[in-house]
């Protein structure tokens, strides 16, 4: 276990992004129309294009604030607004800690969460805790209820800077005002499955990063006009644009379709962007060659981070959802 109080450098980047967004006057509630939804996804896309670990943490902040606006009381939202004005950084920690599931009994919290992105960076975390009535959302002030953080677990080939760790608490008191919504609210649709489009937008930004870094490398070396490299750049452009188009198309029709169509579309987008990302990584490696494997080259970091970020849970379940929607006639290709 490592409870070092040292704040990782990415905290400054995340705080700047959050404060900039707050300063623009956005409360980040659920988008009210397609234009607002597309504006949010473009912001997430741009953040992922700039820095994938930052994009991961920023998307978690957006998710948490949307959930708070969806289920929080007026008093809780007023308190949240004050915290955001002070630079609060939020995230959602939902993955179970095997053998130590988080539970809430008689106002006392015990157990933990795995894949807690931003542990040691965030100021607040939305967590789900098991109760007799079902999973209950809690907003935890991490300065007040400081978790134990196991930093030895996150030994992955990429996304190290996302500070994704194991966290746990042992018999700590929770106030009634920390409880958000009713048991079971977290998994309500269409937000639970449909919200995946946020991280797909960040991943699409990562595909654009592959295009950016390959193009910049070849132009700098004067090799962009080589016919083989020009073909690779054309392919990377097509993949990056297709990933962006996939996200945009769903946002534009999100408010016009029932869940039977729009949720499978989000699942299809997850699969499509992941496939495009894997293809783009292969072409980028060919375009840049060995230089892209050096740690000093920006492409090396994208090639490490993006595959880890693409490993979202239950891809086979997404394929089954898409396949069923097709068989039921809810999805059909069209121009």
Protein backbone atom coordinates (compact mmCIF):
# COMPACT_ATOMS: atom_id res chain seq x y z
CA UNK A 1 0.00 0.00 0.00
CA UNK A 2 1.13 3.53 -0.75
CA UNK A 3 -0.60 6.53 0.80
CA UNK A 4 1.88 9.12 -0.42
CA UNK A 5 0.36 12.63 -0.32
CA UNK A 6 2.31 13.68 -3.40
CA UNK A 7 -0.02 15.05 -6.09
CA UNK A 8 0.67 13.75 -9.61
CA UNK A 9 1.39 16.38 -12.32
CA UNK A 10 -1.77 15.51 -14.25
CA UNK A 11 -3.78 17.04 -11.40
CA UNK A 12 -2.81 20.52 -12.57
CA UNK A 13 -3.92 19.78 -16.12
CA UNK A 14 -7.25 18.38 -14.95
CA UNK A 15 -7.91 21.28 -12.60
CA UNK A 16 -7.19 23.76 -15.39
CA UNK A 17 -9.61 21.93 -17.72
CA UNK A 18 -12.33 21.81 -15.08
CA UNK A 19 -11.97 25.47 -14.09
CA UNK A 20 -11.92 26.54 -17.74
CA UNK A 21 -15.16 24.69 -18.31
CA UNK A 22 -16.70 26.16 -15.17
CA UNK A 23 -15.61 29.63 -16.23
CA UNK A 24 -17.43 29.19 -19.53
CA UNK A 25 -20.68 28.95 -17.57
CA UNK A 26 -21.47 25.28 -18.29
CA UNK A 27 -23.02 23.28 -15.46
CA UNK A 28 -22.53 20.01 -17.38
CA UNK A 29 -25.98 18.62 -16.73
CA UNK A 30 -27.45 16.21 -19.25
CA UNK A 31 -27.49 17.88 -22.69
CA UNK A 32 -30.91 19.24 -23.58
CA UNK A 33 -30.64 18.87 -27.35
CA UNK A 34 -28.42 17.56 -30.13
CA UNK A 35 -26.41 20.77 -30.38
CA UNK A 36 -25.55 20.72 -26.67
CA UNK A 37 -24.72 17.01 -26.82
CA UNK A 38 -22.44 17.51 -29.82
CA UNK A 39 -20.71 20.47 -28.15
CA UNK A 40 -19.93 18.32 -25.11
CA UNK A 41 -18.65 15.43 -27.21
CA UNK A 42 -16.45 17.79 -29.21
CA UNK A 43 -14.92 19.03 -25.96
CA UNK A 44 -14.19 15.46 -24.84
CA UNK A 45 -12.82 14.63 -28.30
CA UNK A 46 -10.47 17.62 -28.19
CA UNK A 47 -9.25 16.69 -24.70
CA UNK A 48 -8.54 13.11 -25.78
CA UNK A 49 -6.77 14.37 -28.88
CA UNK A 50 -4.53 16.47 -26.65
CA UNK A 51 -3.82 13.90 -23.91
CA UNK A 52 -5.53 10.51 -23.46
CA UNK A 53 -5.00 10.10 -19.68
CA UNK A 54 -6.26 13.64 -19.18
CA UNK A 55 -9.22 12.84 -21.43
CA UNK A 56 -10.00 9.77 -19.31
CA UNK A 57 -10.07 11.80 -16.11
CA UNK A 58 -11.98 14.70 -17.63
CA UNK A 59 -14.63 12.34 -19.00
CA UNK A 60 -15.02 10.89 -15.50
CA UNK A 61 -15.51 14.39 -14.12
CA UNK A 62 -18.19 15.11 -16.72
CA UNK A 63 -19.91 11.81 -15.92
CA UNK A 64 -19.93 12.54 -12.19
CA UNK A 65 -21.29 16.06 -12.57
CA UNK A 66 -24.03 14.87 -14.93
CA UNK A 67 -25.06 12.20 -12.43
CA UNK A 68 -25.16 14.80 -9.66
CA UNK A 69 -27.41 17.08 -11.74
CA UNK A 70 -29.63 14.12 -12.57
CA UNK A 71 -30.21 12.85 -9.03
CA UNK A 72 -28.95 15.46 -6.57
CA UNK A 73 -31.20 17.58 -4.37
CA UNK A 74 -31.15 21.40 -4.67
CA UNK A 75 -29.01 21.59 -1.52
CA UNK A 76 -26.56 19.00 -2.88
CA UNK A 77 -26.32 20.86 -6.20
CA UNK A 78 -25.69 24.16 -4.43
CA UNK A 79 -22.88 22.54 -2.46
CA UNK A 80 -21.51 21.00 -5.66
CA UNK A 81 -21.53 24.38 -7.39
CA UNK A 82 -19.49 25.89 -4.55
CA UNK A 83 -17.01 23.02 -4.75
CA UNK A 84 -16.69 23.36 -8.53
CA UNK A 85 -16.04 27.07 -8.18
CA UNK A 86 -13.12 26.14 -5.92
CA UNK A 87 -11.73 23.73 -8.53
CA UNK A 88 -13.24 20.44 -7.37
CA UNK A 89 -12.38 17.48 -9.59
CA UNK A 90 -14.84 14.57 -9.61
CA UNK A 91 -14.86 11.01 -10.87
CA UNK A 92 -17.01 7.88 -10.79
CA UNK A 93 -15.64 4.75 -9.13
CA UNK A 94 -17.97 1.82 -9.76
CA UNK A 95 -15.80 -1.27 -10.44
CA UNK A 96 -15.91 -3.81 -7.64
CA UNK A 97 -12.87 -4.56 -5.50
CA UNK A 98 -12.79 -8.37 -5.66
CA UNK A 99 -13.28 -9.80 -2.21
CA UNK A 100 -13.78 -6.36 -0.65
CA UNK A 101 -16.92 -4.92 -2.21
CA UNK A 102 -17.93 -1.50 -0.97
CA UNK A 103 -20.92 -1.65 1.36
CA UNK A 104 -22.90 0.77 3.48
CA UNK A 105 -24.41 -0.52 6.69
CA UNK A 106 -25.93 1.59 9.46
CA UNK A 107 -24.26 4.70 8.08
CA UNK A 108 -20.78 3.12 8.00
CA UNK A 109 -18.80 2.55 4.81
CA UNK A 110 -16.40 -0.36 4.35
CA UNK A 111 -14.72 -2.06 1.39
CA UNK A 112 -13.27 -0.69 -1.80
CA UNK A 113 -13.26 -0.08 -5.53
CA UNK A 114 -10.90 -1.15 -8.30
CA UNK A 115 -10.02 0.80 -11.46
CA UNK A 116 -10.42 4.02 -9.47
CA UNK A 117 -9.07 6.46 -12.05
CA UNK A 118 -7.76 9.67 -10.56
CA UNK A 119 -7.09 8.22 -7.08
CA UNK A 120 -4.83 10.74 -5.38
CA UNK A 121 -5.81 13.39 -7.95
CA UNK A 122 -9.57 13.88 -7.55
CA UNK A 123 -11.16 15.88 -4.77
CA UNK A 124 -14.48 13.99 -4.84
CA UNK A 125 -15.62 10.55 -6.00
CA UNK A 126 -19.06 9.20 -6.78
CA UNK A 127 -19.14 5.57 -5.67
CA UNK A 128 -21.77 2.85 -5.55
CA UNK A 129 -22.09 1.05 -2.24
CA UNK A 130 -24.15 -2.08 -1.61
CA UNK A 131 -27.12 -1.64 0.72
CA UNK A 132 -30.09 -3.91 1.53
CA UNK A 133 -32.20 -1.76 -0.84
CA UNK A 134 -29.69 -1.92 -3.68
CA UNK A 135 -26.58 -0.04 -4.82
CA UNK A 136 -26.55 3.48 -3.40
CA UNK A 137 -24.65 6.39 -4.94
CA UNK A 138 -22.48 8.37 -2.53
CA UNK A 139 -20.51 11.53 -3.18
CA UNK A 140 -17.37 11.25 -1.10
CA UNK A 141 -15.24 14.26 -0.22
CA UNK A 142 -11.84 12.58 -0.49
CA UNK A 143 -10.23 15.12 1.83
CA UNK A 144 -12.69 14.21 4.57
CA UNK A 145 -12.96 10.46 3.95
CA UNK A 146 -9.44 9.74 2.76
CA UNK A 147 -9.19 6.26 1.20
CA UNK A 148 -6.34 3.85 1.44
CA UNK A 149 -4.76 3.80 -2.03
CA UNK A 150 -2.86 0.81 -3.38
CA UNK A 151 -0.57 2.25 -6.05
CA UNK A 152 1.30 -1.01 -6.58
CA UNK A 153 -1.55 -2.55 -8.59
CA UNK A 154 -1.68 -0.30 -11.67
CA UNK A 155 1.23 -1.79 -13.62
CA UNK A 156 -0.01 -1.52 -17.18
CA UNK A 157 1.75 -0.80 -20.46
CA UNK A 158 -0.16 2.46 -20.90
CA UNK A 159 -2.43 5.03 -19.22
CA UNK A 160 -0.10 5.14 -16.22
CA UNK A 161 -0.77 8.86 -15.83
CA UNK A 162 -4.49 8.23 -15.30
CA UNK A 163 -3.56 7.21 -11.71
CA UNK A 164 -5.97 4.27 -11.75
CA UNK A 165 -5.60 2.43 -8.44
CA UNK A 166 -7.32 0.31 -5.80
CA UNK A 167 -9.03 2.31 -3.06
CA UNK A 168 -10.65 1.21 0.19
CA UNK A 169 -12.23 2.47 3.39
CA UNK A 170 -12.73 0.73 6.72
CA UNK A 171 -15.82 1.47 8.83
CA UNK A 172 -15.98 5.21 8.14
CA UNK A 173 -19.11 7.28 8.84
CA UNK A 174 -21.22 8.60 5.95
CA UNK A 175 -23.73 11.43 6.26
CA UNK A 176 -27.21 11.25 4.83
CA UNK A 177 -26.36 14.32 2.73
CA UNK A 178 -23.64 12.26 1.02
CA UNK A 179 -26.26 9.91 -0.46
CA UNK A 180 -27.21 10.82 -4.02
CA UNK A 181 -30.56 9.73 -5.40
CA UNK A 182 -32.21 6.42 -4.61
CA UNK A 183 -30.76 2.89 -4.63
CA UNK A 184 -30.45 1.65 -8.19
CA UNK A 185 -30.38 5.10 -9.82
CA UNK A 186 -26.83 4.73 -11.14
CA UNK A 187 -27.72 2.01 -13.66
CA UNK A 188 -30.84 3.69 -15.07
CA UNK A 189 -31.08 3.93 -18.83
CA UNK A 190 -30.54 5.53 -21.23
CA UNK A 191 -27.78 7.28 -19.30
CA UNK A 192 -25.91 4.20 -18.07
CA UNK A 193 -25.31 2.61 -21.48
CA UNK A 194 -25.71 5.76 -23.54
CA UNK A 195 -23.10 7.56 -21.48
CA UNK A 196 -20.47 5.33 -23.07
CA UNK A 197 -20.52 7.73 -26.02
CA UNK A 198 -18.54 10.17 -23.86
CA UNK A 199 -15.52 7.89 -23.60
CA UNK A 200 -15.92 6.85 -27.23
CA UNK A 201 -15.50 10.54 -28.11
CA UNK A 202 -12.25 10.63 -26.11
CA UNK A 203 -11.06 7.47 -27.88
CA UNK A 204 -11.93 9.01 -31.26
CA UNK A 205 -9.73 11.92 -30.21
CA UNK A 206 -6.97 9.37 -29.65
CA UNK A 207 -7.37 8.16 -33.24
CA UNK A 208 -6.97 11.76 -34.38
CA UNK A 209 -3.80 11.96 -32.30
CA UNK A 210 -2.33 9.09 -34.31
CA UNK A 211 -3.06 11.08 -37.46
CA UNK A 212 -1.56 14.27 -35.98
CA UNK A 213 1.63 12.64 -34.77
CA UNK A 214 2.24 10.64 -37.95
CA UNK A 215 1.63 13.67 -40.17
CA UNK A 216 3.84 15.95 -38.06
CA UNK A 217 6.65 13.38 -38.08
CA UNK A 218 6.58 12.87 -41.84
CA UNK A 219 6.28 16.57 -42.65
CA UNK A 220 9.16 17.42 -40.32
CA UNK A 221 11.40 14.85 -42.03
CA UNK A 222 10.30 15.89 -45.52
CA UNK A 223 8.85 12.45 -46.24
CA UNK A 224 5.16 13.26 -46.54
CA UNK A 225 5.34 13.36 -50.34
CA UNK A 226 6.72 9.83 -50.56
CA UNK A 227 3.91 7.94 -52.36
CA UNK A 228 3.82 5.15 -49.78
CA UNK A 229 3.74 7.61 -46.90
CA UNK A 230 1.14 9.77 -48.65
CA UNK A 231 -1.05 6.67 -48.90
CA UNK A 232 -0.60 6.02 -45.19
CA UNK A 233 -1.53 9.59 -44.35
CA UNK A 234 -4.64 9.29 -46.50
CA UNK A 235 -5.58 6.09 -44.70
CA UNK A 236 -5.01 7.67 -41.28
CA UNK A 237 -7.14 10.65 -42.23
CA UNK A 238 -9.97 8.37 -43.36
CA UNK A 239 -9.83 6.39 -40.11
CA UNK A 240 -9.68 9.47 -37.87
CA UNK A 241 -12.53 11.16 -39.74
CA UNK A 242 -14.62 8.00 -39.68
CA UNK A 243 -14.20 7.75 -35.91
CA UNK A 244 -15.27 11.37 -35.47
CA UNK A 245 -18.19 10.92 -37.89
CA UNK A 246 -19.38 7.89 -35.95
CA UNK A 247 -19.63 9.88 -32.71
CA UNK A 248 -21.21 12.90 -34.35
CA UNK A 249 -23.89 10.86 -36.14
CA UNK A 250 -25.15 9.36 -32.89
CA UNK A 251 -25.25 12.72 -31.13
CA UNK A 252 -27.30 14.24 -33.95
CA UNK A 253 -30.00 11.56 -33.79
CA UNK A 254 -29.88 10.79 -30.04
CA UNK A 255 -33.02 12.77 -29.22
CA UNK A 256 -35.03 11.39 -32.14
CA UNK A 257 -34.90 7.64 -31.43
CA UNK A 258 -36.17 5.22 -28.77
CA UNK A 259 -33.73 3.35 -26.52
CA UNK A 260 -34.22 0.23 -28.65
CA UNK A 261 -32.27 1.97 -31.42
CA UNK A 262 -30.05 4.57 -29.78
CA UNK A 263 -28.48 2.32 -27.15
CA UNK A 264 -27.44 -0.32 -29.73
CA UNK A 265 -26.08 2.54 -31.85
CA UNK A 266 -23.83 3.56 -28.96
CA UNK A 267 -22.69 -0.06 -28.60
CA UNK A 268 -21.97 -0.18 -32.34
CA UNK A 269 -20.00 3.06 -32.05
CA UNK A 270 -17.86 1.56 -29.28
CA UNK A 271 -17.00 -1.37 -31.52
CA UNK A 272 -16.46 0.73 -34.65
CA UNK A 273 -14.15 3.27 -33.01
CA UNK A 274 -12.13 0.49 -31.36
CA UNK A 275 -11.69 -1.21 -34.75
CA UNK A 276 -10.66 2.07 -36.38
CA UNK A 277 -8.21 2.77 -33.55
CA UNK A 278 -6.55 -0.62 -33.93
CA UNK A 279 -6.24 -0.14 -37.70
CA UNK A 280 -4.85 3.37 -37.25
CA UNK A 281 -2.24 2.20 -34.73
CA UNK A 282 -0.95 -0.33 -37.26
CA UNK A 283 -0.68 2.29 -40.03
CA UNK A 284 0.94 4.84 -37.69
CA UNK A 285 3.61 2.31 -36.71
CA UNK A 286 4.38 1.74 -40.39
CA UNK A 287 4.44 5.47 -41.13
CA UNK A 288 6.82 6.47 -38.34
CA UNK A 289 8.78 3.26 -38.01
CA UNK A 290 11.32 2.60 -35.30
CA UNK A 291 11.52 6.24 -34.24
CA UNK A 292 7.96 5.96 -32.97
CA UNK A 293 9.07 3.29 -30.51
CA UNK A 294 11.48 5.62 -28.70
CA UNK A 295 10.05 6.95 -25.44
CA UNK A 296 11.09 10.44 -26.49
CA UNK A 297 8.70 10.30 -29.45
CA UNK A 298 5.08 11.37 -28.78
CA UNK A 299 3.72 8.49 -30.85
CA UNK A 300 5.18 5.98 -28.39
CA UNK A 301 2.92 7.29 -25.63
CA UNK A 302 -0.20 7.18 -27.78
CA UNK A 303 0.62 3.63 -28.92
CA UNK A 304 0.90 2.66 -25.24
CA UNK A 305 -2.09 4.57 -23.89
CA UNK A 306 -4.74 3.98 -26.54
CA UNK A 307 -4.84 0.13 -26.40
CA UNK A 308 -5.27 0.26 -22.62
CA UNK A 309 -8.05 2.82 -22.88
CA UNK A 310 -9.81 0.75 -25.54
CA UNK A 311 -10.13 -2.14 -23.08
CA UNK A 312 -13.56 -1.11 -21.83
CA UNK A 313 -15.61 -3.86 -20.16
CA UNK A 314 -17.85 -6.40 -21.89
CA UNK A 315 -17.11 -5.94 -25.61
CA UNK A 316 -18.87 -9.23 -26.39
CA UNK A 317 -22.01 -7.96 -24.67
CA UNK A 318 -21.92 -4.91 -26.92
CA UNK A 319 -21.73 -7.12 -30.01
CA UNK A 320 -24.68 -9.15 -28.75
CA UNK A 321 -26.69 -5.97 -28.17
CA UNK A 322 -25.96 -4.76 -31.70
CA UNK A 323 -26.74 -8.15 -33.21
CA UNK A 324 -30.07 -8.41 -31.38
CA UNK A 325 -31.06 -4.90 -32.47
CA UNK A 326 -30.30 -5.81 -36.05
CA UNK A 327 -32.33 -9.03 -35.82
CA UNK A 328 -35.22 -7.09 -34.27
CA UNK A 329 -35.17 -4.54 -37.07
CA UNK A 330 -34.12 -1.64 -34.82
CA UNK A 331 -30.85 -1.03 -36.69
CA UNK A 332 -30.40 -0.84 -40.43
CA UNK A 333 -27.71 0.90 -42.48
CA UNK A 334 -28.83 4.06 -44.27
CA UNK A 335 -27.35 7.20 -45.77
